Amino acid sequence: MKNNKSKDNNRIERINPVGVPEPVGRYSHITKIPRDSEIYVFSGQVGVDFEGNVSSNLNEQVINTFSNISSLLSSQDLNPDNVIKVNIWATEQIDWDFFDSKWDELFGDNSPSMTIAYINELGLPELKIEIEIWAAK
């Protein structure tokens, strides 16, 4: 078993087991949550800015979405290492070079488990991406 973190019973572990293909992106196949952790479930975050504006540009929505996620984590005294699962929904093709650069700014080399889906639409017609996170501490 290959671990992305050293084993510690009080720490979240990222695991990419031997016998399973390497991840095709920036994520871990398994995120193990320590016993007695508090679980935080966050509503999906979208690319709205503090004035309530939503850009028509997907990359600008990505920037705002990651900024909103970072602010939510901080509001609960959490950091990206506490994130255990990320679900991403997008209505158009993601520019992965750009997206990965923002992902790396937030998570570095400690990527949580992740799922992505392309869908027809989100809750509002102007939204192009929504990212939901789960965290534990």
N, C-alpha and C. Protein backbone atom coordinates (compact mmCIF):
# COMPACT_ATOMS: atom_id res chain seq x y z
N MET A 1 0.83 -1.17 0.00
CA MET A 1 0.00 0.00 0.00
C MET A 1 0.88 1.24 0.00
N LYS A 2 0.58 2.18 -0.90
CA LYS A 2 1.32 3.42 -0.96
C LYS A 2 0.50 4.50 -0.26
N ASN A 3 1.08 5.14 0.71
CA ASN A 3 0.40 6.22 1.42
C ASN A 3 1.03 7.54 1.03
N ASN A 4 0.20 8.56 0.90
CA ASN A 4 0.70 9.89 0.63
C ASN A 4 1.01 10.64 1.93
N LYS A 5 0.68 10.05 3.06
CA LYS A 5 0.98 10.63 4.37
C LYS A 5 1.49 9.51 5.26
N SER A 6 2.30 9.87 6.21
CA SER A 6 2.75 8.85 7.16
C SER A 6 1.57 8.40 8.01
N LYS A 7 1.61 7.14 8.43
CA LYS A 7 0.50 6.59 9.21
C LYS A 7 0.52 7.17 10.62
N ASP A 8 -0.61 7.71 11.02
CA ASP A 8 -0.82 8.28 12.34
C ASP A 8 -2.32 8.14 12.61
N ASN A 9 -2.69 7.50 13.69
CA ASN A 9 -4.09 7.21 13.96
C ASN A 9 -4.95 8.44 14.12
N ASN A 10 -4.36 9.61 14.29
CA ASN A 10 -5.12 10.84 14.46
C ASN A 10 -5.07 11.74 13.23
N ARG A 11 -4.56 11.23 12.14
CA ARG A 11 -4.43 12.05 10.94
C ARG A 11 -5.18 11.43 9.78
N ILE A 12 -5.66 12.27 8.91
CA ILE A 12 -6.29 11.81 7.69
C ILE A 12 -5.21 11.20 6.81
N GLU A 13 -5.49 10.03 6.25
CA GLU A 13 -4.54 9.36 5.37
C GLU A 13 -5.04 9.40 3.94
N ARG A 14 -4.14 9.61 3.00
CA ARG A 14 -4.40 9.55 1.56
C ARG A 14 -3.73 8.28 1.07
N ILE A 15 -4.48 7.41 0.40
CA ILE A 15 -3.94 6.10 0.02
C ILE A 15 -4.22 5.83 -1.46
N ASN A 16 -3.19 5.41 -2.16
CA ASN A 16 -3.30 4.90 -3.52
C ASN A 16 -2.70 3.50 -3.50
N PRO A 17 -3.55 2.47 -3.30
CA PRO A 17 -3.05 1.11 -3.09
C PRO A 17 -2.36 0.52 -4.31
N VAL A 18 -1.43 -0.37 -4.04
CA VAL A 18 -0.80 -1.16 -5.09
C VAL A 18 -1.88 -2.07 -5.66
N GLY A 19 -1.84 -2.34 -6.95
CA GLY A 19 -2.82 -3.20 -7.59
C GLY A 19 -4.00 -2.43 -8.16
N VAL A 20 -3.98 -1.12 -8.01
CA VAL A 20 -4.99 -0.24 -8.58
C VAL A 20 -4.24 0.76 -9.45
N PRO A 21 -4.74 1.06 -10.65
CA PRO A 21 -4.03 2.04 -11.48
C PRO A 21 -3.82 3.36 -10.74
N GLU A 22 -2.72 4.00 -11.03
CA GLU A 22 -2.44 5.32 -10.46
C GLU A 22 -3.59 6.26 -10.81
N PRO A 23 -3.90 7.23 -9.97
CA PRO A 23 -4.94 8.20 -10.31
C PRO A 23 -4.64 8.89 -11.63
N VAL A 24 -5.69 9.17 -12.39
CA VAL A 24 -5.52 9.85 -13.68
C VAL A 24 -5.50 11.37 -13.52
N GLY A 25 -5.64 11.84 -12.32
CA GLY A 25 -5.62 13.28 -12.04
C GLY A 25 -5.05 13.53 -10.67
N ARG A 26 -5.34 14.70 -10.16
CA ARG A 26 -4.82 15.10 -8.85
C ARG A 26 -5.81 14.73 -7.75
N TYR A 27 -5.80 13.47 -7.36
CA TYR A 27 -6.66 12.98 -6.30
C TYR A 27 -6.06 11.71 -5.72
N SER A 28 -6.58 11.29 -4.59
CA SER A 28 -6.20 10.02 -3.97
C SER A 28 -7.38 9.08 -4.11
N HIS A 29 -7.09 7.79 -4.35
CA HIS A 29 -8.17 6.81 -4.47
C HIS A 29 -8.93 6.67 -3.15
N ILE A 30 -8.22 6.70 -2.04
CA ILE A 30 -8.84 6.48 -0.74
C ILE A 30 -8.41 7.60 0.21
N THR A 31 -9.37 8.09 0.97
CA THR A 31 -9.07 9.01 2.06
C THR A 31 -9.62 8.37 3.32
N LYS A 32 -8.73 8.05 4.25
CA LYS A 32 -9.12 7.38 5.50
C LYS A 32 -9.25 8.42 6.61
N ILE A 33 -10.41 8.39 7.27
CA ILE A 33 -10.73 9.36 8.30
C ILE A 33 -10.52 8.72 9.67
N PRO A 34 -9.77 9.37 10.55
CA PRO A 34 -9.55 8.80 11.89
C PRO A 34 -10.84 8.68 12.69
N ARG A 35 -10.87 7.67 13.53
CA ARG A 35 -12.01 7.46 14.43
C ARG A 35 -12.20 8.71 15.30
N ASP A 36 -13.42 8.99 15.65
CA ASP A 36 -13.80 10.12 16.51
C ASP A 36 -13.57 11.49 15.87
N SER A 37 -13.44 11.54 14.56
CA SER A 37 -13.30 12.83 13.88
C SER A 37 -14.66 13.50 13.75
N GLU A 38 -14.64 14.83 13.76
CA GLU A 38 -15.84 15.58 13.42
C GLU A 38 -15.88 15.68 11.91
N ILE A 39 -17.05 15.45 11.32
CA ILE A 39 -17.22 15.52 9.88
C ILE A 39 -17.93 16.83 9.54
N TYR A 40 -17.43 17.53 8.55
CA TYR A 40 -18.02 18.77 8.06
C TYR A 40 -18.48 18.54 6.63
N VAL A 41 -19.75 18.82 6.37
CA VAL A 41 -20.31 18.70 5.03
C VAL A 41 -20.67 20.11 4.57
N PHE A 42 -20.08 20.53 3.47
CA PHE A 42 -20.28 21.88 2.96
C PHE A 42 -21.20 21.85 1.74
N SER A 43 -22.06 22.82 1.63
CA SER A 43 -22.86 22.96 0.42
C SER A 43 -21.93 23.21 -0.76
N GLY A 44 -22.40 22.85 -1.93
CA GLY A 44 -21.60 23.10 -3.13
C GLY A 44 -21.32 24.58 -3.28
N GLN A 45 -20.08 24.89 -3.60
CA GLN A 45 -19.66 26.28 -3.78
C GLN A 45 -19.60 26.59 -5.27
N VAL A 46 -20.01 27.81 -5.59
CA VAL A 46 -20.05 28.24 -6.99
C VAL A 46 -19.20 29.49 -7.16
N GLY A 47 -19.09 29.95 -8.39
CA GLY A 47 -18.18 31.03 -8.73
C GLY A 47 -18.72 32.42 -8.53
N VAL A 48 -19.52 32.64 -7.51
CA VAL A 48 -20.04 33.97 -7.21
C VAL A 48 -19.00 34.75 -6.40
N ASP A 49 -18.89 36.05 -6.68
CA ASP A 49 -17.96 36.87 -5.91
C ASP A 49 -18.71 37.54 -4.76
N PHE A 50 -18.00 38.36 -3.97
CA PHE A 50 -18.60 38.98 -2.79
C PHE A 50 -19.69 40.01 -3.10
N GLU A 51 -19.73 40.47 -4.34
CA GLU A 51 -20.80 41.40 -4.74
C GLU A 51 -21.99 40.66 -5.34
N GLY A 52 -21.91 39.32 -5.38
CA GLY A 52 -23.01 38.53 -5.94
C GLY A 52 -22.93 38.34 -7.44
N ASN A 53 -21.79 38.73 -8.04
CA ASN A 53 -21.62 38.59 -9.48
C ASN A 53 -21.11 37.21 -9.85
N VAL A 54 -21.57 36.72 -10.99
CA VAL A 54 -21.09 35.46 -11.55
C VAL A 54 -20.56 35.75 -12.94
N SER A 55 -19.26 35.54 -13.14
CA SER A 55 -18.65 35.77 -14.44
C SER A 55 -19.18 34.76 -15.45
N SER A 56 -19.20 35.15 -16.71
CA SER A 56 -19.58 34.21 -17.76
C SER A 56 -18.41 33.32 -18.16
N ASN A 57 -17.21 33.59 -17.61
CA ASN A 57 -16.01 32.84 -17.93
C ASN A 57 -15.80 31.73 -16.90
N LEU A 58 -15.67 30.49 -17.38
CA LEU A 58 -15.50 29.35 -16.48
C LEU A 58 -14.28 29.50 -15.58
N ASN A 59 -13.14 29.91 -16.13
CA ASN A 59 -11.93 30.02 -15.30
C ASN A 59 -12.09 31.05 -14.18
N GLU A 60 -12.80 32.13 -14.46
CA GLU A 60 -13.06 33.11 -13.39
C GLU A 60 -13.98 32.51 -12.33
N GLN A 61 -14.93 31.69 -12.75
CA GLN A 61 -15.78 31.00 -11.78
C GLN A 61 -14.96 30.02 -10.95
N VAL A 62 -13.98 29.37 -11.56
CA VAL A 62 -13.10 28.46 -10.83
C VAL A 62 -12.34 29.22 -9.75
N ILE A 63 -11.79 30.37 -10.10
CA ILE A 63 -11.04 31.19 -9.14
C ILE A 63 -11.94 31.54 -7.95
N ASN A 64 -13.14 32.05 -8.22
CA ASN A 64 -14.06 32.43 -7.14
C ASN A 64 -14.49 31.23 -6.31
N THR A 65 -14.72 30.10 -6.96
CA THR A 65 -15.15 28.90 -6.24
C THR A 65 -14.08 28.45 -5.27
N PHE A 66 -12.83 28.39 -5.71
CA PHE A 66 -11.75 27.99 -4.81
C PHE A 66 -11.55 29.02 -3.70
N SER A 67 -11.72 30.28 -4.00
CA SER A 67 -11.62 31.32 -2.97
C SER A 67 -12.72 31.13 -1.92
N ASN A 68 -13.93 30.84 -2.37
CA ASN A 68 -15.04 30.60 -1.44
C ASN A 68 -14.79 29.37 -0.58
N ILE A 69 -14.24 28.32 -1.18
CA ILE A 69 -13.93 27.10 -0.42
C ILE A 69 -12.88 27.40 0.65
N SER A 70 -11.85 28.12 0.27
CA SER A 70 -10.79 28.47 1.21
C SER A 70 -11.35 29.28 2.38
N SER A 71 -12.24 30.22 2.09
CA SER A 71 -12.85 31.04 3.14
C SER A 71 -13.72 30.20 4.06
N LEU A 72 -14.48 29.26 3.49
CA LEU A 72 -15.31 28.38 4.32
C LEU A 72 -14.46 27.53 5.25
N LEU A 73 -13.39 26.96 4.71
CA LEU A 73 -12.50 26.16 5.55
C LEU A 73 -11.97 26.99 6.71
N SER A 74 -11.47 28.18 6.40
CA SER A 74 -10.93 29.06 7.44
C SER A 74 -11.97 29.41 8.49
N SER A 75 -13.22 29.59 8.05
CA SER A 75 -14.28 29.97 8.98
C SER A 75 -14.54 28.89 10.04
N GLN A 76 -14.13 27.66 9.76
CA GLN A 76 -14.33 26.55 10.68
C GLN A 76 -13.02 26.07 11.29
N ASP A 77 -11.97 26.88 11.16
CA ASP A 77 -10.64 26.53 11.65
C ASP A 77 -10.14 25.23 11.02
N LEU A 78 -10.41 25.09 9.73
CA LEU A 78 -9.95 23.94 8.95
C LEU A 78 -8.98 24.42 7.90
N ASN A 79 -8.23 23.50 7.33
CA ASN A 79 -7.33 23.81 6.22
C ASN A 79 -7.50 22.73 5.16
N PRO A 80 -6.88 22.88 4.01
CA PRO A 80 -7.05 21.90 2.93
C PRO A 80 -6.69 20.46 3.33
N ASP A 81 -5.78 20.27 4.29
CA ASP A 81 -5.45 18.92 4.74
C ASP A 81 -6.65 18.22 5.39
N ASN A 82 -7.64 18.99 5.86
CA ASN A 82 -8.83 18.42 6.47
C ASN A 82 -9.86 17.95 5.45
N VAL A 83 -9.70 18.35 4.19
CA VAL A 83 -10.68 17.98 3.16
C VAL A 83 -10.51 16.50 2.84
N ILE A 84 -11.64 15.78 2.90
CA ILE A 84 -11.59 14.34 2.67
C ILE A 84 -12.21 13.94 1.33
N LYS A 85 -13.09 14.76 0.77
CA LYS A 85 -13.75 14.42 -0.48
C LYS A 85 -14.15 15.68 -1.21
N VAL A 86 -13.96 15.68 -2.51
CA VAL A 86 -14.35 16.80 -3.37
C VAL A 86 -15.21 16.24 -4.49
N ASN A 87 -16.38 16.83 -4.69
CA ASN A 87 -17.25 16.49 -5.81
C ASN A 87 -17.35 17.72 -6.70
N ILE A 88 -17.11 17.54 -7.98
CA ILE A 88 -17.09 18.65 -8.94
C ILE A 88 -18.11 18.37 -10.03
N TRP A 89 -18.95 19.38 -10.28
CA TRP A 89 -19.89 19.31 -11.39
C TRP A 89 -19.63 20.51 -12.29
N ALA A 90 -19.53 20.27 -13.60
CA ALA A 90 -19.28 21.35 -14.55
C ALA A 90 -20.22 21.20 -15.75
N THR A 91 -20.60 22.34 -16.30
CA THR A 91 -21.51 22.33 -17.45
C THR A 91 -20.77 22.48 -18.78
N GLU A 92 -19.48 22.75 -18.71
CA GLU A 92 -18.67 22.81 -19.93
C GLU A 92 -17.28 22.27 -19.64
N GLN A 93 -16.55 21.97 -20.69
CA GLN A 93 -15.23 21.36 -20.56
C GLN A 93 -14.31 22.23 -19.70
N ILE A 94 -13.70 21.62 -18.71
CA ILE A 94 -12.77 22.32 -17.82
C ILE A 94 -11.41 22.44 -18.51
N ASP A 95 -10.81 23.60 -18.38
CA ASP A 95 -9.43 23.82 -18.82
C ASP A 95 -8.55 23.23 -17.72
N TRP A 96 -8.12 21.99 -17.89
CA TRP A 96 -7.45 21.26 -16.81
C TRP A 96 -6.12 21.87 -16.41
N ASP A 97 -5.39 22.46 -17.33
CA ASP A 97 -4.14 23.11 -16.94
C ASP A 97 -4.42 24.24 -15.96
N PHE A 98 -5.43 25.06 -16.27
CA PHE A 98 -5.79 26.16 -15.38
C PHE A 98 -6.36 25.62 -14.07
N PHE A 99 -7.32 24.70 -14.17
CA PHE A 99 -7.95 24.14 -12.98
C PHE A 99 -6.92 23.50 -12.06
N ASP A 100 -6.03 22.69 -12.62
CA ASP A 100 -5.01 22.01 -11.81
C ASP A 100 -4.10 23.00 -11.10
N SER A 101 -3.82 24.13 -11.73
CA SER A 101 -2.96 25.13 -11.06
C SER A 101 -3.68 25.68 -9.82
N LYS A 102 -4.99 25.90 -9.91
CA LYS A 102 -5.76 26.39 -8.75
C LYS A 102 -5.91 25.28 -7.71
N TRP A 103 -6.10 24.05 -8.16
CA TRP A 103 -6.19 22.88 -7.26
C TRP A 103 -4.89 22.77 -6.47
N ASP A 104 -3.76 22.88 -7.17
CA ASP A 104 -2.46 22.76 -6.52
C ASP A 104 -2.21 23.89 -5.52
N GLU A 105 -2.69 25.09 -5.83
CA GLU A 105 -2.56 26.20 -4.88
C GLU A 105 -3.28 25.88 -3.57
N LEU A 106 -4.42 25.21 -3.67
CA LEU A 106 -5.19 24.89 -2.47
C LEU A 106 -4.66 23.63 -1.79
N PHE A 107 -4.47 22.55 -2.54
CA PHE A 107 -4.16 21.26 -1.94
C PHE A 107 -2.69 20.85 -2.00
N GLY A 108 -1.89 21.47 -2.84
CA GLY A 108 -0.49 21.06 -2.98
C GLY A 108 -0.41 19.60 -3.40
N ASP A 109 0.48 18.84 -2.77
CA ASP A 109 0.66 17.42 -3.09
C ASP A 109 -0.22 16.51 -2.24
N ASN A 110 -1.15 17.06 -1.50
CA ASN A 110 -1.97 16.30 -0.56
C ASN A 110 -3.43 16.28 -1.04
N SER A 111 -3.65 15.71 -2.21
CA SER A 111 -4.98 15.74 -2.82
C SER A 111 -5.94 14.76 -2.17
N PRO A 112 -7.16 15.24 -1.86
CA PRO A 112 -8.18 14.35 -1.31
C PRO A 112 -8.81 13.49 -2.41
N SER A 113 -9.72 12.62 -2.00
CA SER A 113 -10.51 11.87 -2.99
C SER A 113 -11.37 12.85 -3.76
N MET A 114 -11.67 12.50 -5.03
CA MET A 114 -12.38 13.45 -5.88
C MET A 114 -13.22 12.72 -6.91
N THR A 115 -14.37 13.30 -7.22
CA THR A 115 -15.23 12.83 -8.30
C THR A 115 -15.59 14.05 -9.15
N ILE A 116 -15.62 13.86 -10.47
CA ILE A 116 -16.05 14.95 -11.36
C ILE A 116 -17.07 14.42 -12.33
N ALA A 117 -18.06 15.27 -12.63
CA ALA A 117 -19.08 14.92 -13.62
C ALA A 117 -19.40 16.14 -14.47
N TYR A 118 -19.61 15.91 -15.75
CA TYR A 118 -20.12 16.95 -16.63
C TYR A 118 -21.63 16.75 -16.72
N ILE A 119 -22.36 17.85 -16.51
CA ILE A 119 -23.81 17.80 -16.49
C ILE A 119 -24.38 18.88 -17.40
N ASN A 120 -25.68 18.84 -17.64
CA ASN A 120 -26.32 19.82 -18.53
C ASN A 120 -26.45 21.19 -17.90
N GLU A 121 -26.82 21.23 -16.64
CA GLU A 121 -26.97 22.54 -16.00
C GLU A 121 -26.90 22.40 -14.48
N LEU A 122 -26.64 23.54 -13.84
CA LEU A 122 -26.60 23.63 -12.38
C LEU A 122 -27.83 24.40 -11.91
N GLY A 123 -27.87 24.79 -10.65
CA GLY A 123 -29.04 25.42 -10.06
C GLY A 123 -29.45 26.75 -10.66
N LEU A 124 -28.50 27.49 -11.21
CA LEU A 124 -28.77 28.75 -11.90
C LEU A 124 -28.15 28.67 -13.29
N PRO A 125 -28.78 29.23 -14.30
CA PRO A 125 -28.28 29.07 -15.67
C PRO A 125 -26.88 29.65 -15.91
N GLU A 126 -26.49 30.66 -15.13
CA GLU A 126 -25.17 31.27 -15.34
C GLU A 126 -24.02 30.48 -14.70
N LEU A 127 -24.34 29.51 -13.86
CA LEU A 127 -23.31 28.72 -13.19
C LEU A 127 -22.74 27.68 -14.13
N LYS A 128 -21.39 27.59 -14.14
CA LYS A 128 -20.70 26.62 -14.98
C LYS A 128 -19.97 25.55 -14.19
N ILE A 129 -19.78 25.81 -12.88
CA ILE A 129 -19.08 24.85 -12.03
C ILE A 129 -19.60 24.94 -10.61
N GLU A 130 -19.65 23.81 -9.96
CA GLU A 130 -20.00 23.75 -8.55
C GLU A 130 -19.11 22.71 -7.92
N ILE A 131 -18.52 23.06 -6.77
CA ILE A 131 -17.60 22.16 -6.08
C ILE A 131 -18.07 21.99 -4.64
N GLU A 132 -18.29 20.75 -4.27
CA GLU A 132 -18.71 20.40 -2.91
C GLU A 132 -17.54 19.74 -2.20
N ILE A 133 -17.33 20.11 -0.95
CA ILE A 133 -16.26 19.49 -0.16
C ILE A 133 -16.83 18.89 1.10
N TRP A 134 -16.16 17.85 1.56
CA TRP A 134 -16.37 17.23 2.87
C TRP A 134 -15.04 17.32 3.59
N ALA A 135 -15.08 17.57 4.88
CA ALA A 135 -13.84 17.69 5.65
C ALA A 135 -14.01 16.95 6.98
N ALA A 136 -12.88 16.67 7.62
CA ALA A 136 -12.89 16.00 8.92
C ALA A 136 -11.77 16.57 9.78
N LYS A 137 -12.04 16.57 11.10
CA LYS A 137 -11.02 17.08 12.04
C LYS A 137 -11.20 16.38 13.36
